[in-house]
């Protein structure tokens, strides 16, 4: 991390199913650590390892609970209520255990998507009494960020902020999203995966590149995104 000047400014999202060794290695080293709890792709939301309270009993406090929910303000009532109950359960468990919560909201790909719908989704969770420490949301336009900042400031002035998700977007699209987010101090950084390792991983799985080349390409992709993120503050 020193090659990019990220000491004390970087982190990772890592689950215990495939990354327990990584979690063990980075815990206690000053990294920001987000730890997913959702069953990947579940809708309605389900937890991968069962009861959240039982899980958190063994987690270090520095591990941030990352919960992804595929939801939409226009979801049919039964689905919406089921998902909201699960998110409320996760939030209450975090309040009891003292762990921070990052709530990641993604609108389903087969339904309408726009900035205002994401803002409505955030407002709905606040209406339910859910106040995550962090939000994870896709890039929005400047007006969207300004509207979201007003909502968050009014409903939870102690919110730590927003990190941007990537949705496998190409680098140029993320760069544009970074620039749009520069208007809002609420946006603290980005947490993307497939944009970094998607193409290199496919090449590696096909046997077209070596382990070392895989690592090098992912590293280079990450360094370019870091540079793009820093440039957006100078525009």
C-alpha atoms as a PDB file:
ATOM      1  CA  UNK A   1       0.000   0.000   0.000  1.00  0.00           C
ATOM      2  CA  UNK A   2       2.936   2.362   0.554  1.00  0.00           C
ATOM      3  CA  UNK A   3       3.513   2.607  -3.208  1.00  0.00           C
ATOM      4  CA  UNK A   4       0.256   4.535  -3.488  1.00  0.00           C
ATOM      5  CA  UNK A   5       0.525   6.391  -0.190  1.00  0.00           C
ATOM      6  CA  UNK A   6      -2.401   4.494   1.279  1.00  0.00           C
ATOM      7  CA  UNK A   7      -1.095   3.692   4.728  1.00  0.00           C
ATOM      8  CA  UNK A   8      -4.003   4.220   7.102  1.00  0.00           C
ATOM      9  CA  UNK A   9      -6.338   5.095   4.220  1.00  0.00           C
ATOM     10  CA  UNK A  10      -7.143   1.723   2.673  1.00  0.00           C
ATOM     11  CA  UNK A  11      -9.315  -1.251   3.421  1.00  0.00           C
ATOM     12  CA  UNK A  12     -10.998  -4.286   1.953  1.00  0.00           C
ATOM     13  CA  UNK A  13     -14.234  -6.214   1.735  1.00  0.00           C
ATOM     14  CA  UNK A  14     -13.645  -9.856   2.567  1.00  0.00           C
ATOM     15  CA  UNK A  15     -15.916 -12.682   3.690  1.00  0.00           C
ATOM     16  CA  UNK A  16     -15.054 -15.579   5.949  1.00  0.00           C
ATOM     17  CA  UNK A  17     -16.208 -18.247   3.478  1.00  0.00           C
ATOM     18  CA  UNK A  18     -13.208 -17.841   1.185  1.00  0.00           C
ATOM     19  CA  UNK A  19     -11.130 -15.205   2.928  1.00  0.00           C
ATOM     20  CA  UNK A  20     -10.807 -16.167   6.596  1.00  0.00           C
ATOM     21  CA  UNK A  21      -7.032 -16.331   6.248  1.00  0.00           C
ATOM     22  CA  UNK A  22      -6.978 -12.808   4.817  1.00  0.00           C
ATOM     23  CA  UNK A  23      -9.211 -11.541   7.622  1.00  0.00           C
ATOM     24  CA  UNK A  24      -6.854 -13.073  10.155  1.00  0.00           C
ATOM     25  CA  UNK A  25      -3.861 -11.462   8.460  1.00  0.00           C
ATOM     26  CA  UNK A  26      -5.231  -7.897   8.235  1.00  0.00           C
ATOM     27  CA  UNK A  27      -7.095  -7.643  11.541  1.00  0.00           C
ATOM     28  CA  UNK A  28      -5.266  -5.399  13.982  1.00  0.00           C
ATOM     29  CA  UNK A  29      -3.189  -3.662  11.306  1.00  0.00           C
ATOM     30  CA  UNK A  30      -5.215  -0.472  11.006  1.00  0.00           C
ATOM     31  CA  UNK A  31      -7.097  -1.374   7.831  1.00  0.00           C
ATOM     32  CA  UNK A  32     -10.767  -0.615   7.289  1.00  0.00           C
ATOM     33  CA  UNK A  33     -12.362  -4.077   7.088  1.00  0.00           C
ATOM     34  CA  UNK A  34     -15.835  -4.697   5.705  1.00  0.00           C
ATOM     35  CA  UNK A  35     -17.197  -8.216   6.155  1.00  0.00           C
ATOM     36  CA  UNK A  36     -20.194  -9.363   4.055  1.00  0.00           C
ATOM     37  CA  UNK A  37     -22.997 -11.272   5.722  1.00  0.00           C
ATOM     38  CA  UNK A  38     -25.568 -11.705   2.932  1.00  0.00           C
ATOM     39  CA  UNK A  39     -26.083 -14.884   0.952  1.00  0.00           C
ATOM     40  CA  UNK A  40     -24.729 -13.774  -2.443  1.00  0.00           C
ATOM     41  CA  UNK A  41     -27.477 -12.874  -4.884  1.00  0.00           C
ATOM     42  CA  UNK A  42     -30.304 -13.482  -2.417  1.00  0.00           C
ATOM     43  CA  UNK A  43     -33.587 -11.663  -2.978  1.00  0.00           C
ATOM     44  CA  UNK A  44     -35.289 -11.651  -0.556  1.00  0.00           C
ATOM     45  CA  UNK A  45     -32.244 -10.996   1.579  1.00  0.00           C
ATOM     46  CA  UNK A  46     -30.871 -14.032   3.415  1.00  0.00           C
ATOM     47  CA  UNK A  47     -27.794 -14.309   5.609  1.00  0.00           C
ATOM     48  CA  UNK A  48     -25.080 -16.718   4.535  1.00  0.00           C
ATOM     49  CA  UNK A  49     -24.219 -18.008   8.007  1.00  0.00           C
ATOM     50  CA  UNK A  50     -27.508 -17.800   9.873  1.00  0.00           C
ATOM     51  CA  UNK A  51     -28.417 -15.724  12.918  1.00  0.00           C
ATOM     52  CA  UNK A  52     -26.617 -12.390  12.848  1.00  0.00           C
ATOM     53  CA  UNK A  53     -26.402 -12.018  16.621  1.00  0.00           C
ATOM     54  CA  UNK A  54     -24.650 -15.365  16.937  1.00  0.00           C
ATOM     55  CA  UNK A  55     -22.211 -14.402  14.193  1.00  0.00           C
ATOM     56  CA  UNK A  56     -21.255 -11.055  15.704  1.00  0.00           C
ATOM     57  CA  UNK A  57     -20.476 -12.595  19.085  1.00  0.00           C
ATOM     58  CA  UNK A  58     -17.156 -13.815  17.681  1.00  0.00           C
ATOM     59  CA  UNK A  59     -16.298 -10.886  15.410  1.00  0.00           C
ATOM     60  CA  UNK A  60     -13.608  -8.322  16.323  1.00  0.00           C
ATOM     61  CA  UNK A  61     -15.216  -4.912  16.774  1.00  0.00           C
ATOM     62  CA  UNK A  62     -13.082  -3.447  14.001  1.00  0.00           C
ATOM     63  CA  UNK A  63     -14.891  -5.617  11.429  1.00  0.00           C
ATOM     64  CA  UNK A  64     -17.669  -3.613   9.775  1.00  0.00           C
ATOM     65  CA  UNK A  65     -20.831  -5.563   8.971  1.00  0.00           C
ATOM     66  CA  UNK A  66     -21.475  -5.250   5.219  1.00  0.00           C
ATOM     67  CA  UNK A  67     -25.024  -6.106   4.190  1.00  0.00           C
ATOM     68  CA  UNK A  68     -26.127  -5.960   0.551  1.00  0.00           C
ATOM     69  CA  UNK A  69     -29.839  -5.780  -0.159  1.00  0.00           C
ATOM     70  CA  UNK A  70     -31.310  -5.869  -3.662  1.00  0.00           C
ATOM     71  CA  UNK A  71     -34.379  -3.734  -3.126  1.00  0.00           C
ATOM     72  CA  UNK A  72     -36.558  -1.237  -4.949  1.00  0.00           C
ATOM     73  CA  UNK A  73     -39.080   1.339  -3.726  1.00  0.00           C
ATOM     74  CA  UNK A  74     -41.645  -0.260  -6.045  1.00  0.00           C
ATOM     75  CA  UNK A  75     -41.166  -3.843  -4.797  1.00  0.00           C
ATOM     76  CA  UNK A  76     -44.387  -5.705  -4.103  1.00  0.00           C
ATOM     77  CA  UNK A  77     -45.439  -5.412  -0.477  1.00  0.00           C
ATOM     78  CA  UNK A  78     -44.670  -8.922   0.804  1.00  0.00           C
ATOM     79  CA  UNK A  79     -41.132  -8.901  -0.614  1.00  0.00           C
ATOM     80  CA  UNK A  80     -40.466  -5.371   0.627  1.00  0.00           C
ATOM     81  CA  UNK A  81     -41.623  -6.133   4.159  1.00  0.00           C
ATOM     82  CA  UNK A  82     -39.620  -9.366   4.349  1.00  0.00           C
ATOM     83  CA  UNK A  83     -36.423  -7.629   3.308  1.00  0.00           C
ATOM     84  CA  UNK A  84     -37.021  -4.681   5.590  1.00  0.00           C
ATOM     85  CA  UNK A  85     -37.515  -6.986   8.583  1.00  0.00           C
ATOM     86  CA  UNK A  86     -34.174  -8.654   7.871  1.00  0.00           C
ATOM     87  CA  UNK A  87     -32.347  -5.328   7.543  1.00  0.00           C
ATOM     88  CA  UNK A  88     -33.904  -4.133  10.799  1.00  0.00           C
ATOM     89  CA  UNK A  89     -32.759  -7.334  12.503  1.00  0.00           C
ATOM     90  CA  UNK A  90     -29.214  -6.802  11.255  1.00  0.00           C
ATOM     91  CA  UNK A  91     -29.260  -3.176  12.378  1.00  0.00           C
ATOM     92  CA  UNK A  92     -30.500  -4.045  15.868  1.00  0.00           C
ATOM     93  CA  UNK A  93     -27.821  -6.724  16.205  1.00  0.00           C
ATOM     94  CA  UNK A  94     -25.124  -4.221  15.268  1.00  0.00           C
ATOM     95  CA  UNK A  95     -26.473  -1.713  17.794  1.00  0.00           C
ATOM     96  CA  UNK A  96     -26.314  -4.408  20.481  1.00  0.00           C
ATOM     97  CA  UNK A  97     -22.826  -5.667  19.584  1.00  0.00           C
ATOM     98  CA  UNK A  98     -21.245  -2.286  18.850  1.00  0.00           C
ATOM     99  CA  UNK A  99     -20.226  -3.185  15.285  1.00  0.00           C
ATOM    100  CA  UNK A 100     -20.543  -0.598  12.552  1.00  0.00           C
ATOM    101  CA  UNK A 101     -22.953  -1.369   9.712  1.00  0.00           C
ATOM    102  CA  UNK A 102     -22.427  -0.684   6.024  1.00  0.00           C
ATOM    103  CA  UNK A 103     -25.703  -1.021   4.132  1.00  0.00           C
ATOM    104  CA  UNK A 104     -25.265  -1.582   0.412  1.00  0.00           C
ATOM    105  CA  UNK A 105     -28.333  -0.853  -1.690  1.00  0.00           C
ATOM    106  CA  UNK A 106     -28.620  -2.031  -5.305  1.00  0.00           C
ATOM    107  CA  UNK A 107     -31.746  -1.669  -7.398  1.00  0.00           C
ATOM    108  CA  UNK A 108     -32.528  -4.896  -9.293  1.00  0.00           C
ATOM    109  CA  UNK A 109     -31.387  -4.891 -12.925  1.00  0.00           C
ATOM    110  CA  UNK A 110     -34.855  -5.809 -14.196  1.00  0.00           C
ATOM    111  CA  UNK A 111     -36.513  -2.752 -12.622  1.00  0.00           C
ATOM    112  CA  UNK A 112     -36.301   0.997 -13.214  1.00  0.00           C
ATOM    113  CA  UNK A 113     -33.098   2.651 -12.018  1.00  0.00           C
ATOM    114  CA  UNK A 114     -32.380   6.320 -11.405  1.00  0.00           C
ATOM    115  CA  UNK A 115     -30.826   8.516  -8.734  1.00  0.00           C
ATOM    116  CA  UNK A 116     -34.179   9.466  -7.223  1.00  0.00           C
ATOM    117  CA  UNK A 117     -35.095   5.822  -6.678  1.00  0.00           C
ATOM    118  CA  UNK A 118     -31.882   5.267  -4.727  1.00  0.00           C
ATOM    119  CA  UNK A 119     -32.660   8.310  -2.604  1.00  0.00           C
ATOM    120  CA  UNK A 120     -36.155   6.973  -1.957  1.00  0.00           C
ATOM    121  CA  UNK A 121     -34.670   3.644  -0.875  1.00  0.00           C
ATOM    122  CA  UNK A 122     -32.358   5.412   1.580  1.00  0.00           C
ATOM    123  CA  UNK A 123     -35.257   7.477   2.926  1.00  0.00           C
ATOM    124  CA  UNK A 124     -37.317   4.331   3.457  1.00  0.00           C
ATOM    125  CA  UNK A 125     -34.648   2.748   5.644  1.00  0.00           C
ATOM    126  CA  UNK A 126     -34.401   5.923   7.698  1.00  0.00           C
ATOM    127  CA  UNK A 127     -38.191   5.863   8.079  1.00  0.00           C
ATOM    128  CA  UNK A 128     -37.809   2.349   9.510  1.00  0.00           C
ATOM    129  CA  UNK A 129     -35.302   3.584  12.084  1.00  0.00           C
ATOM    130  CA  UNK A 130     -32.307   1.995  10.327  1.00  0.00           C
ATOM    131  CA  UNK A 131     -29.278   4.298  10.513  1.00  0.00           C
ATOM    132  CA  UNK A 132     -26.239   2.535   9.067  1.00  0.00           C
ATOM    133  CA  UNK A 133     -22.823   3.953   9.822  1.00  0.00           C
ATOM    134  CA  UNK A 134     -21.988   3.682   6.121  1.00  0.00           C
ATOM    135  CA  UNK A 135     -23.922   3.529   2.864  1.00  0.00           C
ATOM    136  CA  UNK A 136     -22.608   1.793  -0.238  1.00  0.00           C
ATOM    137  CA  UNK A 137     -24.263   3.150  -3.370  1.00  0.00           C
ATOM    138  CA  UNK A 138     -23.551   3.375  -7.098  1.00  0.00           C
ATOM    139  CA  UNK A 139     -22.314   6.590  -8.711  1.00  0.00           C
ATOM    140  CA  UNK A 140     -24.961   9.278  -9.149  1.00  0.00           C
ATOM    141  CA  UNK A 141     -25.152  12.702 -10.765  1.00  0.00           C
ATOM    142  CA  UNK A 142     -24.331  15.875  -8.892  1.00  0.00           C
ATOM    143  CA  UNK A 143     -27.966  16.684  -8.185  1.00  0.00           C
ATOM    144  CA  UNK A 144     -28.443  13.167  -6.851  1.00  0.00           C
ATOM    145  CA  UNK A 145     -25.518  13.503  -4.468  1.00  0.00           C
ATOM    146  CA  UNK A 146     -26.709  16.883  -3.267  1.00  0.00           C
ATOM    147  CA  UNK A 147     -30.195  15.516  -2.606  1.00  0.00           C
ATOM    148  CA  UNK A 148     -28.792  12.475  -0.809  1.00  0.00           C
ATOM    149  CA  UNK A 149     -26.523  14.632   1.329  1.00  0.00           C
ATOM    150  CA  UNK A 150     -29.532  16.649   2.441  1.00  0.00           C
ATOM    151  CA  UNK A 151     -31.416  13.486   3.407  1.00  0.00           C
ATOM    152  CA  UNK A 152     -28.498  11.969   5.329  1.00  0.00           C
ATOM    153  CA  UNK A 153     -27.646  15.236   7.097  1.00  0.00           C
ATOM    154  CA  UNK A 154     -31.241  15.639   8.252  1.00  0.00           C
ATOM    155  CA  UNK A 155     -31.867  12.046   9.247  1.00  0.00           C
ATOM    156  CA  UNK A 156     -28.483  10.954  10.636  1.00  0.00           C
ATOM    157  CA  UNK A 157     -25.795  13.624  11.087  1.00  0.00           C
ATOM    158  CA  UNK A 158     -23.512  10.977  12.624  1.00  0.00           C
ATOM    159  CA  UNK A 159     -23.370   8.874   9.444  1.00  0.00           C
ATOM    160  CA  UNK A 160     -19.748   8.125   8.524  1.00  0.00           C
ATOM    161  CA  UNK A 161     -20.382   8.552   4.810  1.00  0.00           C
ATOM    162  CA  UNK A 162     -20.804   6.760   1.498  1.00  0.00           C
ATOM    163  CA  UNK A 163     -18.495   4.487  -0.460  1.00  0.00           C
ATOM    164  CA  UNK A 164     -19.111   3.975  -4.161  1.00  0.00           C
ATOM    165  CA  UNK A 165     -19.797   0.551  -5.598  1.00  0.00           C
ATOM    166  CA  UNK A 166     -18.798  -0.353  -9.124  1.00  0.00           C
ATOM    167  CA  UNK A 167     -21.383  -2.748 -10.616  1.00  0.00           C
ATOM    168  CA  UNK A 168     -18.625  -4.018 -12.928  1.00  0.00           C
ATOM    169  CA  UNK A 169     -18.537  -0.641 -14.676  1.00  0.00           C
ATOM    170  CA  UNK A 170     -15.673   0.097 -17.075  1.00  0.00           C
ATOM    171  CA  UNK A 171     -12.893   2.334 -15.815  1.00  0.00           C
ATOM    172  CA  UNK A 172     -13.980   5.386 -17.836  1.00  0.00           C
ATOM    173  CA  UNK A 173     -17.512   5.156 -16.458  1.00  0.00           C
ATOM    174  CA  UNK A 174     -16.211   4.976 -12.892  1.00  0.00           C
ATOM    175  CA  UNK A 175     -13.965   7.985 -13.533  1.00  0.00           C
ATOM    176  CA  UNK A 176     -17.017   9.988 -14.606  1.00  0.00           C
ATOM    177  CA  UNK A 177     -18.834   8.817 -11.483  1.00  0.00           C
ATOM    178  CA  UNK A 178     -15.914   9.866  -9.311  1.00  0.00           C
ATOM    179  CA  UNK A 179     -16.018  13.357 -10.838  1.00  0.00           C
ATOM    180  CA  UNK A 180     -19.752  13.710 -10.203  1.00  0.00           C
ATOM    181  CA  UNK A 181     -19.296  12.669  -6.573  1.00  0.00           C
ATOM    182  CA  UNK A 182     -16.621  15.314  -5.984  1.00  0.00           C
ATOM    183  CA  UNK A 183     -19.364  17.801  -5.073  1.00  0.00           C
ATOM    184  CA  UNK A 184     -20.276  15.858  -1.929  1.00  0.00           C
ATOM    185  CA  UNK A 185     -18.030  15.495   1.129  1.00  0.00           C
ATOM    186  CA  UNK A 186     -20.350  12.664   2.152  1.00  0.00           C
ATOM    187  CA  UNK A 187     -18.632  10.393  -0.406  1.00  0.00           C
ATOM    188  CA  UNK A 188     -15.488   9.034   1.245  1.00  0.00           C
ATOM    189  CA  UNK A 189     -14.096   6.589  -1.298  1.00  0.00           C
ATOM    190  CA  UNK A 190     -14.799   3.623  -3.511  1.00  0.00           C
ATOM    191  CA  UNK A 191     -15.071  -0.124  -2.947  1.00  0.00           C
ATOM    192  CA  UNK A 192     -15.150  -1.961  -6.262  1.00  0.00           C
ATOM    193  CA  UNK A 193     -14.203  -5.500  -7.164  1.00  0.00           C
ATOM    194  CA  UNK A 194     -14.968  -6.739 -10.650  1.00  0.00           C
ATOM    195  CA  UNK A 195     -13.636  -3.578 -12.328  1.00  0.00           C
ATOM    196  CA  UNK A 196     -10.295  -4.439 -10.737  1.00  0.00           C
ATOM    197  CA  UNK A 197     -10.111  -8.189 -11.108  1.00  0.00           C
ATOM    198  CA  UNK A 198     -12.826  -9.186 -13.596  1.00  0.00           C
ATOM    199  CA  UNK A 199     -10.873  -9.200 -16.849  1.00  0.00           C
ATOM    200  CA  UNK A 200      -7.587 -10.413 -15.313  1.00  0.00           C
ATOM    201  CA  UNK A 201      -9.401 -13.240 -13.533  1.00  0.00           C
ATOM    202  CA  UNK A 202     -11.082 -14.401 -16.730  1.00  0.00           C
ATOM    203  CA  UNK A 203      -7.723 -14.420 -18.496  1.00  0.00           C
ATOM    204  CA  UNK A 204      -6.136 -16.338 -15.625  1.00  0.00           C
ATOM    205  CA  UNK A 205      -8.928 -18.921 -15.506  1.00  0.00           C
ATOM    206  CA  UNK A 206      -8.515 -19.433 -19.264  1.00  0.00           C
ATOM    207  CA  UNK A 207      -4.825 -20.131 -18.717  1.00  0.00           C
ATOM    208  CA  UNK A 208      -3.742 -17.082 -20.702  1.00  0.00           C
ATOM    209  CA  UNK A 209      -1.777 -15.361 -17.924  1.00  0.00           C
ATOM    210  CA  UNK A 210       0.330 -16.505 -14.978  1.00  0.00           C
ATOM    211  CA  UNK A 211      -0.316 -15.983 -11.272  1.00  0.00           C
ATOM    212  CA  UNK A 212       2.205 -13.142 -11.264  1.00  0.00           C
ATOM    213  CA  UNK A 213       0.567 -11.472 -14.241  1.00  0.00           C
ATOM    214  CA  UNK A 214      -2.829 -11.742 -12.577  1.00  0.00           C
ATOM    215  CA  UNK A 215      -1.569 -10.002  -9.455  1.00  0.00           C
ATOM    216  CA  UNK A 216       0.222  -7.362 -11.518  1.00  0.00           C
ATOM    217  CA  UNK A 217      -2.817  -6.534 -13.634  1.00  0.00           C
ATOM    218  CA  UNK A 218      -5.132  -6.255 -10.623  1.00  0.00           C
ATOM    219  CA  UNK A 219      -2.563  -4.034  -8.891  1.00  0.00           C
ATOM    220  CA  UNK A 220      -2.227  -1.785 -11.934  1.00  0.00           C
ATOM    221  CA  UNK A 221      -6.006  -1.474 -12.291  1.00  0.00           C
ATOM    222  CA  UNK A 222      -6.250  -0.471  -8.640  1.00  0.00           C
ATOM    223  CA  UNK A 223      -3.493   2.115  -8.948  1.00  0.00           C
ATOM    224  CA  UNK A 224      -5.205   3.685 -11.962  1.00  0.00           C
ATOM    225  CA  UNK A 225      -8.503   3.956 -10.064  1.00  0.00           C
ATOM    226  CA  UNK A 226      -6.703   5.522  -7.111  1.00  0.00           C
ATOM    227  CA  UNK A 227      -5.197   8.109  -9.463  1.00  0.00           C
ATOM    228  CA  UNK A 228      -8.613   8.806 -11.003  1.00  0.00           C
ATOM    229  CA  UNK A 229     -10.142   9.208  -7.539  1.00  0.00           C
ATOM    230  CA  UNK A 230      -7.483  11.699  -6.522  1.00  0.00           C
ATOM    231  CA  UNK A 231      -7.824  13.656  -9.758  1.00  0.00           C
ATOM    232  CA  UNK A 232     -11.529  14.174  -9.133  1.00  0.00           C
ATOM    233  CA  UNK A 233     -10.745  16.333  -6.072  1.00  0.00           C
ATOM    234  CA  UNK A 234      -8.688  18.677  -8.233  1.00  0.00           C
ATOM    235  CA  UNK A 235     -11.360  19.418 -10.852  1.00  0.00           C
END
